Protein backbone atom coordinates (compact mmCIF):
# COMPACT_ATOMS: atom_id res chain seq x y z
CA MET A 1 -0.05 0.12 0.02
CA SER A 2 2.05 3.21 -1.21
CA GLY A 3 1.93 6.19 0.30
CA TYR A 4 0.01 5.06 3.57
CA ARG A 5 2.18 6.51 6.53
CA PRO A 6 2.07 4.55 9.71
CA LYS A 7 0.06 6.38 12.99
CA LYS A 8 1.09 6.20 16.23
CA ARG A 9 -2.02 6.17 17.95
CA PHE A 10 -2.60 2.63 16.42
CA ASP A 11 0.84 1.28 17.33
CA GLN A 12 1.69 0.20 13.70
CA ASN A 13 4.82 -1.48 12.90
CA PHE A 14 4.51 -3.33 9.51
CA LEU A 15 6.31 -5.87 8.97
CA VAL A 16 8.27 -5.97 5.96
CA ASP A 17 10.72 -9.15 5.88
CA ASP A 18 9.72 -11.65 3.48
CA GLY A 19 11.48 -14.32 5.49
CA VAL A 20 10.19 -13.98 8.46
CA ILE A 21 6.82 -13.51 6.55
CA ASP A 22 7.26 -17.01 5.07
CA ARG A 23 7.90 -18.32 8.42
CA ILE A 24 4.98 -17.49 10.00
CA VAL A 25 2.97 -18.80 7.44
CA GLY A 26 4.54 -21.71 7.61
CA LEU A 27 3.45 -21.72 11.49
CA VAL A 28 0.34 -21.28 11.06
CA ALA A 29 0.11 -24.18 8.17
CA PRO A 30 -2.97 -23.02 6.27
CA ARG A 31 -4.90 -25.34 4.26
CA PRO A 32 -7.76 -25.27 2.33
CA GLY A 33 -11.24 -24.76 3.94
CA GLU A 34 -10.07 -23.65 7.51
CA ASP A 35 -11.15 -20.54 8.94
CA ILE A 36 -8.39 -18.43 10.12
CA VAL A 37 -8.42 -15.07 12.30
CA GLU A 38 -5.85 -12.82 11.27
CA ILE A 39 -5.55 -9.66 14.06
CA GLY A 40 -3.86 -6.56 12.46
CA PRO A 41 -3.72 -7.64 9.15
CA GLY A 42 -2.07 -3.40 8.43
CA ARG A 43 -0.78 -3.50 4.74
CA GLY A 44 -1.62 -7.63 4.11
CA ALA A 45 2.12 -8.81 4.55
CA LEU A 46 0.53 -12.15 5.98
CA THR A 47 -2.98 -11.96 4.36
CA GLY A 48 -2.50 -12.39 0.63
CA LEU A 49 -0.23 -15.71 1.30
CA LEU A 50 -2.85 -17.00 3.90
CA LEU A 51 -5.59 -15.93 1.30
CA THR A 52 -4.08 -18.45 -1.41
CA SER A 53 -4.10 -21.22 0.68
CA GLY A 54 -7.69 -21.66 0.16
CA GLY A 55 -8.66 -21.08 3.84
CA CYS A 56 -11.33 -19.05 4.80
CA LEU A 57 -9.79 -15.47 5.79
CA SER A 58 -11.39 -13.45 8.63
CA ALA A 59 -9.16 -10.02 9.03
CA VAL A 60 -10.08 -7.85 12.42
CA GLU A 61 -7.92 -4.02 11.76
CA LEU A 62 -9.11 -1.15 13.85
CA ASP A 63 -7.57 1.54 11.27
CA ARG A 64 -10.63 2.38 9.09
CA ASP A 65 -7.81 3.37 6.23
CA LEU A 66 -6.50 0.19 5.98
CA ALA A 67 -9.68 -1.42 6.47
CA ARG A 68 -11.29 -0.21 3.47
CA TRP A 69 -7.87 -0.99 1.66
CA LEU A 70 -7.71 -4.67 2.44
CA GLY A 71 -11.22 -4.71 1.68
CA ASP A 72 -10.32 -3.64 -1.53
CA GLU A 73 -7.62 -5.25 -2.48
CA PHE A 74 -8.39 -9.06 -1.21
CA GLU A 75 -11.51 -9.98 -2.94
CA ASP A 76 -12.04 -13.27 -0.55
CA LEU A 77 -11.29 -11.19 2.37
CA GLU A 78 -13.90 -10.52 5.62
CA VAL A 79 -12.93 -7.22 7.17
CA ILE A 80 -13.75 -6.65 10.43
CA ASN A 81 -13.32 -3.05 11.29
CA THR A 82 -12.78 -2.42 14.63
CA ASP A 83 -11.05 -3.05 18.02
CA VAL A 84 -10.37 -6.70 18.15
CA LEU A 85 -11.09 -6.63 22.14
CA SER A 86 -14.62 -4.62 21.37
CA PHE A 87 -16.65 -7.56 20.63
CA GLU A 88 -17.19 -11.10 21.51
CA TRP A 89 -15.47 -13.17 19.61
CA SER A 90 -17.41 -16.41 20.19
CA ASP A 91 -20.34 -14.34 18.96
CA ARG A 92 -18.47 -13.37 15.34
CA PHE A 93 -16.56 -16.73 15.42
CA PRO A 94 -18.45 -19.63 16.07
CA SER A 95 -16.26 -21.94 14.36
CA ARG A 96 -13.13 -23.37 15.51
CA TYR A 97 -10.57 -21.63 13.46
CA LYS A 98 -6.71 -20.85 13.67
CA LEU A 99 -5.58 -17.45 15.01
CA VAL A 100 -2.42 -15.18 14.00
CA GLY A 101 -1.30 -11.67 14.38
CA ASN A 102 1.41 -8.95 14.64
CA LEU A 103 -0.14 -7.47 17.82
CA PRO A 104 0.26 -4.13 18.65
CA TYR A 105 2.41 -4.43 22.08
CA SER A 106 -0.11 -2.10 24.23
CA ILE A 107 -2.95 -5.07 23.96
CA THR A 108 -0.80 -8.38 23.72
CA THR A 109 -1.74 -9.28 27.06
CA PRO A 110 -5.14 -8.74 26.85
CA VAL A 111 -5.56 -10.51 23.35
CA ILE A 112 -3.73 -13.77 25.31
CA ASP A 113 -6.25 -13.56 27.64
CA ARG A 114 -9.29 -13.63 25.15
CA VAL A 115 -7.35 -16.45 23.36
CA VAL A 116 -7.51 -18.86 26.66
CA VAL A 117 -11.41 -17.67 27.25
CA ASN A 118 -12.10 -18.49 23.82
CA ARG A 119 -9.32 -21.62 23.70
CA ASP A 120 -12.43 -24.19 22.83
CA ARG A 121 -12.55 -22.49 19.40
CA ILE A 122 -9.30 -21.86 18.81
CA VAL A 123 -6.74 -24.89 17.18
CA SER A 124 -3.63 -22.57 17.59
CA ALA A 125 -2.32 -19.13 17.64
CA VAL A 126 0.78 -17.74 15.94
CA LEU A 127 1.42 -14.38 17.63
CA MET A 128 4.10 -11.74 17.44
CA MET A 129 4.64 -10.24 20.24
CA GLN A 130 7.20 -7.81 22.73
CA ARG A 131 10.19 -10.49 23.45
CA GLU A 132 9.84 -9.18 26.98
CA VAL A 133 6.36 -10.57 27.14
CA ALA A 134 7.29 -14.08 24.78
CA ALA A 135 9.85 -14.54 27.96
CA ARG A 136 6.16 -14.34 29.97
CA LEU A 137 4.40 -16.73 28.53
CA THR A 138 6.89 -18.96 27.50
CA SER A 139 8.56 -19.60 31.20
CA SER A 140 8.79 -22.20 33.77
CA PRO A 141 8.88 -22.46 37.41
CA GLY A 142 12.31 -21.40 39.20
CA GLN A 143 12.67 -18.56 36.20
CA LYS A 144 12.04 -15.32 36.84
CA ASP A 145 9.55 -14.63 34.34
CA TRP A 146 6.66 -17.64 35.95
CA SER A 147 3.97 -15.72 36.21
CA PRO A 148 0.16 -16.23 35.84
CA LEU A 149 0.11 -15.60 32.14
CA ALA A 150 2.43 -18.12 31.58
CA ILE A 151 0.67 -20.13 33.96
CA PHE A 152 -3.22 -19.84 32.67
CA CYS A 153 -2.09 -20.24 28.96
CA GLN A 154 -0.28 -23.27 29.96
CA VAL A 155 -3.23 -24.69 31.46
CA HIS A 156 -4.52 -24.95 27.94
CA PHE A 157 -1.73 -24.71 25.34
CA ASP A 158 1.65 -26.18 24.13
CA VAL A 159 3.36 -23.10 24.27
CA ASP A 160 6.70 -22.27 21.82
CA ARG A 161 8.24 -19.23 21.83
CA ALA A 162 9.50 -19.82 17.60
CA PHE A 163 11.98 -17.08 17.46
CA ASP A 164 13.00 -13.45 17.89
CA VAL A 165 12.69 -10.56 15.07
CA PRO A 166 14.46 -7.39 14.87
CA PRO A 167 13.66 -4.21 14.66
CA ASP A 168 14.79 -4.03 10.97
CA SER A 169 11.98 -6.10 9.73
CA PHE A 170 9.43 -3.88 10.79
CA ASP A 171 8.40 -0.44 9.00
CA PRO A 172 9.00 1.68 11.06
CA PRO A 173 11.27 -0.07 13.01
CA PRO A 174 10.18 -0.73 17.04
CA GLU A 175 12.84 0.05 19.93
CA VAL A 176 12.60 -3.51 20.87
CA THR A 177 13.32 -6.75 19.55
CA SER A 178 10.24 -8.91 18.90
CA SER A 179 9.36 -12.88 19.21
CA VAL A 180 6.86 -15.19 17.37
CA VAL A 181 5.08 -17.39 20.16
CA LYS A 182 2.74 -20.45 18.67
CA LEU A 183 0.24 -21.55 21.42
CA THR A 184 -0.97 -25.14 20.20
CA ARG A 185 -4.36 -26.10 21.71
CA ARG A 186 -4.28 -29.36 23.66
CA GLU A 187 -6.42 -31.73 26.20
CA SER A 188 -6.15 -29.10 29.10
CA ILE A 189 -4.47 -29.66 32.94
CA PRO A 190 -7.66 -30.93 35.17
CA LEU A 191 -8.27 -28.01 37.56
CA SER A 192 -10.83 -29.04 40.57
CA HIS A 193 -11.53 -26.35 41.21
CA PRO A 194 -10.71 -23.43 38.41
CA ARG A 195 -12.00 -20.32 39.72
CA ALA A 196 -10.34 -20.72 43.36
CA PHE A 197 -7.15 -21.95 40.76
CA GLU A 198 -7.34 -18.42 39.26
CA SER A 199 -7.75 -16.42 42.39
CA ARG A 200 -5.20 -17.98 44.17
CA VAL A 201 -2.52 -17.92 41.40
CA ARG A 202 -3.25 -14.26 40.77
CA ALA A 203 -3.07 -13.25 44.77
CA SER A 204 0.14 -15.82 44.50
CA PHE A 205 2.14 -13.34 42.76
CA ARG A 206 1.04 -10.16 44.28
CA GLN A 207 4.44 -8.94 45.31
CA ARG A 208 6.88 -11.99 43.98
CA ARG A 209 9.63 -11.36 46.64
CA LYS A 210 7.24 -12.45 49.00
CA GLN A 211 6.86 -15.81 50.45
CA LEU A 212 3.62 -17.70 49.33
CA VAL A 213 2.06 -17.66 52.48
CA ASN A 214 2.35 -14.23 53.11
CA ASN A 215 0.84 -13.13 50.01
CA LEU A 216 -2.27 -15.49 51.06
CA VAL A 217 -2.85 -14.68 54.51
CA PRO A 218 -5.08 -12.73 54.90
CA GLN A 219 -6.30 -12.12 51.77
CA LEU A 220 -7.60 -15.66 50.86
CA THR A 221 -7.14 -17.63 53.98
CA GLN A 222 -6.57 -16.68 57.48
CA ASP A 223 -5.17 -20.12 58.95
CA SER A 224 -1.34 -19.55 58.45
CA THR A 225 -0.42 -22.33 60.13
CA ALA A 226 -2.76 -24.74 58.01
CA LEU A 227 -1.14 -23.32 54.66
CA ARG A 228 2.18 -23.94 56.08
CA ALA A 229 1.35 -27.79 56.57
CA GLU A 230 -0.67 -28.20 53.49
CA LEU A 231 2.88 -26.88 51.81
CA GLU A 232 4.55 -29.64 53.57
CA GLN A 233 2.06 -32.00 52.43
CA LEU A 234 3.09 -31.33 49.10
CA GLY A 235 6.91 -31.46 49.67
CA LEU A 236 6.84 -27.77 49.64
CA PRO A 237 9.00 -25.51 51.99
CA ALA A 238 6.96 -22.94 53.91
CA SER A 239 9.22 -20.13 52.72
CA VAL A 240 8.39 -21.23 49.33
CA ARG A 241 7.56 -18.34 46.83
CA ALA A 242 5.16 -18.63 43.96
CA GLU A 243 7.73 -18.37 41.08
CA GLU A 244 9.31 -21.51 42.63
CA ILE A 245 6.00 -23.29 42.16
CA SER A 246 4.59 -25.67 39.24
CA LEU A 247 1.19 -25.45 37.58
CA ALA A 248 0.19 -28.74 38.81
CA ARG A 249 1.82 -28.10 42.17
CA PHE A 250 -0.91 -24.71 42.29
CA ALA A 251 -3.18 -27.63 41.28
CA ASP A 252 -3.02 -29.91 43.92
CA LEU A 253 -2.91 -26.98 46.75
CA THR A 254 -6.12 -25.23 45.34
CA ARG A 255 -7.41 -28.50 45.71
CA ALA A 256 -6.58 -29.02 49.06
CA LEU A 257 -7.18 -25.91 50.41
CA VAL A 258 -10.38 -26.24 49.09
CA GLU A 259 -11.21 -28.92 50.23
CA ARG A 260 -10.20 -28.43 53.73
CA GLY A 261 -12.28 -25.26 54.03
CA LEU A 262 -9.32 -22.76 54.02
CA LEU A 263 -9.72 -21.65 50.26
CA ALA A 264 -13.34 -20.51 49.08
CA ASP A 265 -14.21 -22.15 45.61
CA ALA A 266 -15.02 -18.85 43.81
């Protein structure tokens, strides 16, 4: 699209590196007849290649000028000219689909939250994001980036940090390095008390450097002695911090606390 100037208010950095574009399309692995949703198609760097696969492509683009151009440029493309966070995905995309997008950095976390909420319809998601967010999303217990974002995502998806993308792959170049992450839906890790699990995980990371007990008492439970006893039953020291606890251990501890009446199932 010649003559179009990126708009700062939309956080636009357009992908221009053909090698990166090809690698992203390869990760999406589009097939004829598949439903694909693209977030932030911009100048259509990925769009044209995705359409040649024979898939049914919908593109969500906030910029009205770009949305109009995309509709004119790609005959078989459904263009949705709105903010991707302004509508219920399940209403607009009722069938199973693959998701792909070069995400504006400012909306990366809320988009990932939406992916988790809509997980039963999402086959996979290939997302470009800031490298620091990718590090959080793909982190493991014991790492400084282990976080609720990683935990909630990894309950339902295999998460793979595919490759990094330097600033000069974009127009205009951002000030940071980006990463492409692929989320592949798999059978979810069983959670006996999902609402309590979510509230406990979030509370556990409220102040990262605090011990787990001090983050949960008195916000979620009043009985610090019983909480320490449950930690010991799971083979965890009373001084453990949230960043040291695995997803499975979080699930086990939540179940134990709810069943002993130390944590509400809500």
